[in-house]
Structures are given as structure tokens and as C-alpha cells.
């Protein structure tokens, strides 16, 4: 009887140690899982920041190109208008009509 009680006691102790070890393994796995999730979030944020920065740079380039195109168009209109004015005789009424026409072209 005493031998059986001792065996049962040892088995219970071994079972308790195994449960504690399993609990520790699960805890470490949960911590590692949380760490992996945080690393993934951090990597995703860095990638998102990089994409946003690239998009902003592209937008700035497009705005610059659009402004340059508008400047070129305005310069062309100004030169065309000046040519038309200079080709006609000096007449205030004719100049007013030309300027009015240019104004409507700009709209």
C-alpha cells in the first residue's frame, strides 16, 4: 500500500510539473505570437508610409508638369494675342475686340 501511495504521489507531482511546463510553453508561444503580430504591423506601417510618400512625390511631379503646361499655353496665347494686335492697325475698338476674344479663349 505504501508503495502504491508513493507511486501515486510521484505521478501527481510529475503531472503537475508537466502541466506547469505546458503552461510555460503556451505562454511563450503566445508572447512570440504577439511579437510576430507587432512586427507584421510595424512592417505594414512602414510599407504604407513608403507608398504614401511615393504617391505624394508623384502628385507633386504631376502638379509641376500641369503648371508648366499651363505656363506654356498662356505664353502662347499672349504671343498670339500680341501678334494679332500688332498686325491690325492701331484702333482702340479693334484692340478691345481682340482682348475680349482672348479673354473668352482663356475661359
C-alpha atoms as a PDB file:
ATOM      1  CA  UNK A   1       0.000   0.000   0.000  1.00  0.00           C
ATOM      2  CA  UNK A   2       2.700   2.395   0.882  1.00  0.00           C
ATOM      3  CA  UNK A   3       4.451   1.734  -2.417  1.00  0.00           C
ATOM      4  CA  UNK A   4       1.239   2.457  -4.312  1.00  0.00           C
ATOM      5  CA  UNK A   5       0.649   5.704  -2.416  1.00  0.00           C
ATOM      6  CA  UNK A   6       4.222   6.763  -3.120  1.00  0.00           C
ATOM      7  CA  UNK A   7       3.809   5.969  -6.831  1.00  0.00           C
ATOM      8  CA  UNK A   8       0.559   7.921  -6.961  1.00  0.00           C
ATOM      9  CA  UNK A   9       2.224  10.863  -5.229  1.00  0.00           C
ATOM     10  CA  UNK A  10       5.142  10.801  -7.693  1.00  0.00           C
ATOM     11  CA  UNK A  11       2.755  10.526 -10.630  1.00  0.00           C
ATOM     12  CA  UNK A  12       0.777  13.513  -9.343  1.00  0.00           C
ATOM     13  CA  UNK A  13       3.986  15.519  -8.916  1.00  0.00           C
ATOM     14  CA  UNK A  14       5.146  14.586 -12.427  1.00  0.00           C
ATOM     15  CA  UNK A  15       1.728  15.506 -13.833  1.00  0.00           C
ATOM     16  CA  UNK A  16       1.852  18.864 -12.047  1.00  0.00           C
ATOM     17  CA  UNK A  17       5.363  19.549 -13.447  1.00  0.00           C
ATOM     18  CA  UNK A  18       4.204  18.591 -16.937  1.00  0.00           C
ATOM     19  CA  UNK A  19       1.197  20.911 -16.666  1.00  0.00           C
ATOM     20  CA  UNK A  20       3.413  23.768 -15.456  1.00  0.00           C
ATOM     21  CA  UNK A  21       5.849  23.151 -18.311  1.00  0.00           C
ATOM     22  CA  UNK A  22       2.999  23.024 -20.833  1.00  0.00           C
ATOM     23  CA  UNK A  23       1.607  26.248 -19.411  1.00  0.00           C
ATOM     24  CA  UNK A  24       5.019  27.906 -19.755  1.00  0.00           C
ATOM     25  CA  UNK A  25       5.337  26.685 -23.362  1.00  0.00           C
ATOM     26  CA  UNK A  26       1.873  28.061 -24.195  1.00  0.00           C
ATOM     27  CA  UNK A  27       2.726  31.380 -22.533  1.00  0.00           C
ATOM     28  CA  UNK A  28       5.966  31.683 -24.504  1.00  0.00           C
ATOM     29  CA  UNK A  29       4.147  30.807 -27.724  1.00  0.00           C
ATOM     30  CA  UNK A  30       1.516  33.477 -27.038  1.00  0.00           C
ATOM     31  CA  UNK A  31       4.238  36.059 -26.363  1.00  0.00           C
ATOM     32  CA  UNK A  32       6.056  35.087 -29.565  1.00  0.00           C
ATOM     33  CA  UNK A  33       2.786  35.230 -31.500  1.00  0.00           C
ATOM     34  CA  UNK A  34       2.102  38.718 -30.166  1.00  0.00           C
ATOM     35  CA  UNK A  35       5.640  39.725 -31.127  1.00  0.00           C
ATOM     36  CA  UNK A  36       5.154  38.391 -34.660  1.00  0.00           C
ATOM     37  CA  UNK A  37       1.886  40.329 -34.975  1.00  0.00           C
ATOM     38  CA  UNK A  38       3.586  43.536 -33.802  1.00  0.00           C
ATOM     39  CA  UNK A  39       6.469  43.011 -36.237  1.00  0.00           C
ATOM     40  CA  UNK A  40       3.975  42.499 -39.078  1.00  0.00           C
ATOM     41  CA  UNK A  41       2.059  45.648 -38.077  1.00  0.00           C
ATOM     42  CA  UNK A  42       5.275  47.632 -37.971  1.00  0.00           C
ATOM     43  CA  UNK A  43       6.386  46.332 -41.369  1.00  0.00           C
ATOM     44  CA  UNK A  44       2.956  47.075 -42.852  1.00  0.00           C
ATOM     45  CA  UNK A  45       3.028  50.628 -41.449  1.00  0.00           C
ATOM     46  CA  UNK A  46       6.496  51.224 -42.877  1.00  0.00           C
ATOM     47  CA  UNK A  47       5.357  49.944 -46.283  1.00  0.00           C
ATOM     48  CA  UNK A  48       2.214  52.090 -46.157  1.00  0.00           C
ATOM     49  CA  UNK A  49       4.315  55.157 -45.266  1.00  0.00           C
ATOM     50  CA  UNK A  50       6.640  54.413 -48.184  1.00  0.00           C
ATOM     51  CA  UNK A  51       3.707  54.070 -50.598  1.00  0.00           C
ATOM     52  CA  UNK A  52       2.136  57.311 -49.366  1.00  0.00           C
ATOM     53  CA  UNK A  53       5.442  59.182 -49.728  1.00  0.00           C
ATOM     54  CA  UNK A  54       5.883  57.850 -53.268  1.00  0.00           C
ATOM     55  CA  UNK A  55       2.310  58.849 -54.155  1.00  0.00           C
ATOM     56  CA  UNK A  56       2.847  62.357 -52.776  1.00  0.00           C
ATOM     57  CA  UNK A  57       6.038  62.721 -54.796  1.00  0.00           C
ATOM     58  CA  UNK A  58       4.218  61.569 -57.935  1.00  0.00           C
ATOM     59  CA  UNK A  59       1.390  64.038 -57.277  1.00  0.00           C
ATOM     60  CA  UNK A  60       3.911  66.865 -56.841  1.00  0.00           C
ATOM     61  CA  UNK A  61       5.501  65.929 -60.165  1.00  0.00           C
ATOM     62  CA  UNK A  62       2.112  65.886 -61.898  1.00  0.00           C
ATOM     63  CA  UNK A  63       1.203  69.294 -60.430  1.00  0.00           C
ATOM     64  CA  UNK A  64       4.557  70.677 -61.596  1.00  0.00           C
ATOM     65  CA  UNK A  65       4.007  69.288 -65.121  1.00  0.00           C
ATOM     66  CA  UNK A  66       0.479  70.712 -65.220  1.00  0.00           C
ATOM     67  CA  UNK A  67       1.728  74.155 -64.129  1.00  0.00           C
ATOM     68  CA  UNK A  68       4.472  74.085 -66.755  1.00  0.00           C
ATOM     69  CA  UNK A  69       1.945  73.113 -69.418  1.00  0.00           C
ATOM     70  CA  UNK A  70      -0.366  75.955 -68.357  1.00  0.00           C
ATOM     71  CA  UNK A  71       2.530  78.429 -68.422  1.00  0.00           C
ATOM     72  CA  UNK A  72       3.395  77.346 -71.945  1.00  0.00           C
ATOM     73  CA  UNK A  73      -0.224  77.672 -73.074  1.00  0.00           C
ATOM     74  CA  UNK A  74      -0.586  81.127 -71.511  1.00  0.00           C
ATOM     75  CA  UNK A  75       2.668  82.275 -73.111  1.00  0.00           C
ATOM     76  CA  UNK A  76       1.475  81.025 -76.485  1.00  0.00           C
ATOM     77  CA  UNK A  77      -1.850  82.833 -76.080  1.00  0.00           C
ATOM     78  CA  UNK A  78      -0.112  86.040 -75.045  1.00  0.00           C
ATOM     79  CA  UNK A  79       2.226  85.913 -78.038  1.00  0.00           C
ATOM     80  CA  UNK A  80      -0.661  85.051 -80.378  1.00  0.00           C
ATOM     81  CA  UNK A  81      -2.687  87.922 -78.975  1.00  0.00           C
ATOM     82  CA  UNK A  82       0.182  90.337 -79.333  1.00  0.00           C
ATOM     83  CA  UNK A  83       0.720  89.220 -82.931  1.00  0.00           C
ATOM     84  CA  UNK A  84      -2.946  89.785 -83.747  1.00  0.00           C
ATOM     85  CA  UNK A  85      -2.899  93.224 -82.146  1.00  0.00           C
ATOM     86  CA  UNK A  86       0.284  94.241 -83.946  1.00  0.00           C
ATOM     87  CA  UNK A  87      -0.979  93.016 -87.339  1.00  0.00           C
ATOM     88  CA  UNK A  88      -4.037  95.260 -87.175  1.00  0.00           C
ATOM     89  CA  UNK A  89      -3.890  98.969 -87.362  1.00  0.00           C
ATOM     90  CA  UNK A  90      -3.880 100.835 -84.102  1.00  0.00           C
ATOM     91  CA  UNK A  91      -7.570 101.089 -83.296  1.00  0.00           C
ATOM     92  CA  UNK A  92      -8.929 101.069 -79.714  1.00  0.00           C
ATOM     93  CA  UNK A  93     -12.148  99.354 -80.783  1.00  0.00           C
ATOM     94  CA  UNK A  94     -10.264  96.595 -82.628  1.00  0.00           C
ATOM     95  CA  UNK A  95      -7.925  96.100 -79.665  1.00  0.00           C
ATOM     96  CA  UNK A  96     -10.867  95.801 -77.303  1.00  0.00           C
ATOM     97  CA  UNK A  97     -12.459  93.181 -79.551  1.00  0.00           C
ATOM     98  CA  UNK A  98      -9.206  91.213 -79.744  1.00  0.00           C
ATOM     99  CA  UNK A  99      -8.738  91.330 -75.992  1.00  0.00           C
ATOM    100  CA  UNK A 100     -12.319  90.225 -75.494  1.00  0.00           C
ATOM    101  CA  UNK A 101     -11.715  87.310 -77.845  1.00  0.00           C
ATOM    102  CA  UNK A 102      -8.547  86.345 -75.983  1.00  0.00           C
ATOM    103  CA  UNK A 103     -10.406  86.558 -72.705  1.00  0.00           C
ATOM    104  CA  UNK A 104     -13.023  84.102 -73.955  1.00  0.00           C
ATOM    105  CA  UNK A 105     -10.243  81.748 -75.148  1.00  0.00           C
ATOM    106  CA  UNK A 106      -8.750  81.752 -71.662  1.00  0.00           C
ATOM    107  CA  UNK A 107     -12.034  80.644 -70.163  1.00  0.00           C
END
